Amino acid sequence: MTRLPLVPLAAFPAALAATLERGRASRMLSSPVPVQVWAHRPEVAEAWLGALEAMHLRGVLPGRLKELVRLKIASITSCKACQLARKEDSVSEEDIACLAHDDPRFSPAEQAALQYAMLFASDYMSIGDALFDTLKLHFSTPEIVELNMFCALMLAGGRMTYVQQAYAGDR
């Protein structure tokens, strides 16, 4: 059961309803339930979803890399909705079962991003120049900025969904 009441989908403002529909169609959103909680503040929900949508649909990072990062952070935040959702078909169940930043199944760029995501979500004080130097070997500055912002949104979104108990099965 969600800890906060859900706004009925029929009560959504038109702009938020349209963003939710686009998000579901593009696989950016796997469930409307978190958005139904956020809809108590529709303009803020719209801004949050707008940032997600910009990275999901027009991002500079590959979809596979973002999915690996998203799932790595979900494993740390224990967000059920995030752990169950699949946003990118190129990530296999074997990839998901591993997600270790040093596993040879992942490219050097994916390893660097997974290490960054892990530390971002669990030990951010240990991120230093050496890790940024590694990121710079594999990513442009805009890609590193997007990785940072994506990690921030995934961490915050996962924790927010978890503490609100806003999971898909709770409708």
Protein backbone atom coordinates (compact mmCIF):
# COMPACT_ATOMS: atom_id res chain seq x y z
CA MET A 1 0.00 0.00 0.00
CA THR A 2 1.33 3.42 -0.87
CA ARG A 3 2.03 5.69 2.07
CA LEU A 4 0.41 8.65 0.34
CA PRO A 5 -2.88 8.69 -1.56
CA LEU A 6 -2.85 8.24 -5.33
CA VAL A 7 -4.30 10.92 -7.56
CA PRO A 8 -6.74 9.17 -9.91
CA LEU A 9 -5.49 9.19 -13.50
CA ALA A 10 -8.74 10.85 -14.58
CA ALA A 11 -7.92 13.80 -12.31
CA PHE A 12 -4.49 14.47 -13.88
CA PRO A 13 -4.00 17.84 -15.57
CA ALA A 14 -3.79 17.40 -19.34
CA ALA A 15 -0.04 18.13 -19.56
CA LEU A 16 0.85 15.61 -16.85
CA ALA A 17 -1.45 12.99 -18.38
CA ALA A 18 0.24 13.48 -21.76
CA THR A 19 3.72 13.18 -20.22
CA LEU A 20 2.66 10.02 -18.40
CA GLU A 21 1.33 8.53 -21.63
CA ARG A 22 4.54 9.38 -23.52
CA GLY A 23 6.59 7.94 -20.68
CA ARG A 24 4.66 4.68 -20.71
CA ALA A 25 4.82 4.42 -24.53
CA SER A 26 8.60 5.00 -24.59
CA ARG A 27 9.25 2.63 -21.63
CA MET A 28 10.63 5.53 -19.62
CA LEU A 29 7.93 4.72 -17.05
CA SER A 30 6.94 1.19 -16.21
CA SER A 31 4.07 2.14 -13.92
CA PRO A 32 1.85 5.16 -13.34
CA VAL A 33 1.80 4.60 -9.56
CA PRO A 34 4.77 6.82 -8.57
CA VAL A 35 3.43 9.57 -10.84
CA GLN A 36 0.03 9.24 -9.18
CA VAL A 37 1.70 10.16 -5.89
CA TRP A 38 3.74 12.97 -7.43
CA ALA A 39 0.59 14.33 -9.11
CA HIS A 40 -0.32 16.04 -5.85
CA ARG A 41 2.26 18.56 -7.11
CA PRO A 42 1.62 18.36 -10.86
CA GLU A 43 3.97 21.15 -11.94
CA VAL A 44 6.85 19.59 -10.00
CA ALA A 45 5.99 16.12 -11.30
CA GLU A 46 5.97 17.54 -14.83
CA ALA A 47 9.43 19.08 -14.32
CA TRP A 48 10.83 15.83 -12.87
CA LEU A 49 9.42 13.80 -15.75
CA GLY A 50 10.66 16.39 -18.24
CA ALA A 51 14.24 15.88 -17.05
CA LEU A 52 13.83 12.11 -17.26
CA GLU A 53 12.28 12.36 -20.70
CA ALA A 54 15.10 14.57 -22.01
CA MET A 55 17.69 11.98 -21.01
CA HIS A 56 15.56 9.00 -22.03
CA LEU A 57 14.60 10.22 -25.48
CA ARG A 58 17.31 12.72 -26.37
CA GLY A 59 20.21 11.66 -24.19
CA VAL A 60 23.83 11.49 -25.30
CA LEU A 61 24.56 8.22 -23.49
CA PRO A 62 23.69 4.85 -25.05
CA GLY A 63 20.49 3.23 -23.82
CA ARG A 64 22.30 0.06 -22.71
CA LEU A 65 24.69 2.03 -20.52
CA LYS A 66 21.86 4.01 -18.91
CA GLU A 67 19.94 0.80 -18.24
CA LEU A 68 22.95 -0.82 -16.58
CA VAL A 69 23.45 2.29 -14.43
CA ARG A 70 19.74 2.46 -13.59
CA LEU A 71 19.66 -1.17 -12.51
CA LYS A 72 22.89 -0.84 -10.51
CA ILE A 73 21.42 2.07 -8.57
CA ALA A 74 18.13 0.17 -8.15
CA SER A 75 20.06 -2.68 -6.54
CA ILE A 76 21.43 -0.19 -4.01
CA THR A 77 18.19 1.71 -3.32
CA SER A 78 16.13 -1.50 -3.13
CA CYS A 79 13.45 0.12 -5.28
CA LYS A 80 11.17 -2.75 -6.29
CA ALA A 81 9.64 -0.86 -9.21
CA CYS A 82 13.09 0.03 -10.55
CA GLN A 83 14.45 -3.48 -10.11
CA LEU A 84 11.55 -5.10 -11.96
CA ALA A 85 11.29 -2.64 -14.84
CA ARG A 86 13.15 -3.21 -18.10
CA LYS A 87 13.82 -0.19 -20.26
CA GLU A 88 16.37 -1.53 -22.76
CA ASP A 89 16.34 -4.89 -24.53
CA SER A 90 20.12 -5.01 -25.03
CA VAL A 91 20.65 -5.70 -21.31
CA SER A 92 20.32 -9.43 -20.66
CA GLU A 93 19.19 -11.20 -17.52
CA GLU A 94 22.80 -12.42 -17.19
CA ASP A 95 23.97 -8.78 -17.24
CA ILE A 96 21.43 -7.91 -14.57
CA ALA A 97 22.47 -10.83 -12.38
CA CYS A 98 26.03 -9.51 -12.36
CA LEU A 99 26.28 -5.70 -12.60
CA ALA A 100 29.80 -5.80 -11.12
CA HIS A 101 31.83 -2.87 -12.37
CA ASP A 102 34.85 -5.10 -12.97
CA ASP A 103 33.11 -7.92 -14.84
CA PRO A 104 34.64 -8.52 -18.30
CA ARG A 105 31.17 -8.91 -19.83
CA PHE A 106 30.95 -5.12 -19.72
CA SER A 107 32.90 -2.77 -21.96
CA PRO A 108 35.51 -0.50 -20.33
CA ALA A 109 33.06 2.43 -20.64
CA GLU A 110 30.28 0.40 -19.01
CA GLN A 111 32.66 -0.68 -16.24
CA ALA A 112 33.60 2.93 -15.54
CA ALA A 113 29.95 4.03 -15.51
CA LEU A 114 28.94 1.13 -13.24
CA GLN A 115 31.73 1.97 -10.81
CA TYR A 116 30.69 5.63 -10.83
CA ALA A 117 27.02 4.70 -10.28
CA MET A 118 27.88 2.34 -7.44
CA LEU A 119 29.95 4.95 -5.65
CA PHE A 120 27.48 7.75 -6.43
CA ALA A 121 24.72 5.77 -4.71
CA SER A 122 26.67 4.20 -1.87
CA ASP A 123 29.95 6.01 -1.15
CA TYR A 124 29.94 9.34 -3.00
CA MET A 125 32.66 10.80 -0.77
CA SER A 126 35.13 8.35 -2.34
CA ILE A 127 34.61 9.72 -5.86
CA GLY A 128 37.74 11.63 -6.70
CA ASP A 129 39.88 12.86 -9.55
CA ALA A 130 41.09 9.35 -10.43
CA LEU A 131 37.57 8.17 -11.22
CA PHE A 132 36.87 11.30 -13.24
CA ASP A 133 40.10 10.70 -15.15
CA THR A 134 38.84 7.20 -15.94
CA LEU A 135 35.47 8.57 -17.05
CA LYS A 136 37.24 11.07 -19.32
CA LEU A 137 38.94 8.18 -21.12
CA HIS A 138 35.56 6.88 -22.24
CA PHE A 139 33.14 9.80 -22.24
CA SER A 140 32.91 13.38 -23.44
CA THR A 141 32.18 16.15 -20.96
CA PRO A 142 28.47 16.27 -21.98
CA GLU A 143 28.27 12.50 -21.48
CA ILE A 144 29.84 12.74 -18.02
CA VAL A 145 27.42 15.53 -17.09
CA GLU A 146 24.50 13.38 -18.27
CA LEU A 147 25.83 10.35 -16.38
CA ASN A 148 26.02 12.47 -13.23
CA MET A 149 22.50 13.87 -13.68
CA PHE A 150 21.10 10.45 -14.60
CA CYS A 151 22.63 8.90 -11.48
CA ALA A 152 21.17 11.71 -9.38
CA LEU A 153 17.67 11.22 -10.81
CA MET A 154 17.82 7.44 -10.49
CA LEU A 155 19.07 7.60 -6.92
CA ALA A 156 16.52 10.18 -5.83
CA GLY A 157 13.68 8.58 -7.78
CA GLY A 158 14.42 5.12 -6.41
CA ARG A 159 14.60 6.34 -2.85
CA MET A 160 11.49 8.46 -3.26
CA THR A 161 9.53 5.54 -4.71
CA TYR A 162 10.79 3.22 -1.99
CA VAL A 163 9.92 5.47 0.96
CA GLN A 164 6.52 6.31 -0.52
CA GLN A 165 5.91 2.61 -1.18
CA ALA A 166 4.67 3.71 -4.61
CA TYR A 167 5.01 0.38 -6.42
CA ALA A 168 3.12 -0.91 -9.42
CA GLY A 169 1.33 -3.63 -7.49
CA ASP A 170 -0.24 -1.24 -5.00
CA ARG A 171 -3.03 0.25 -7.08
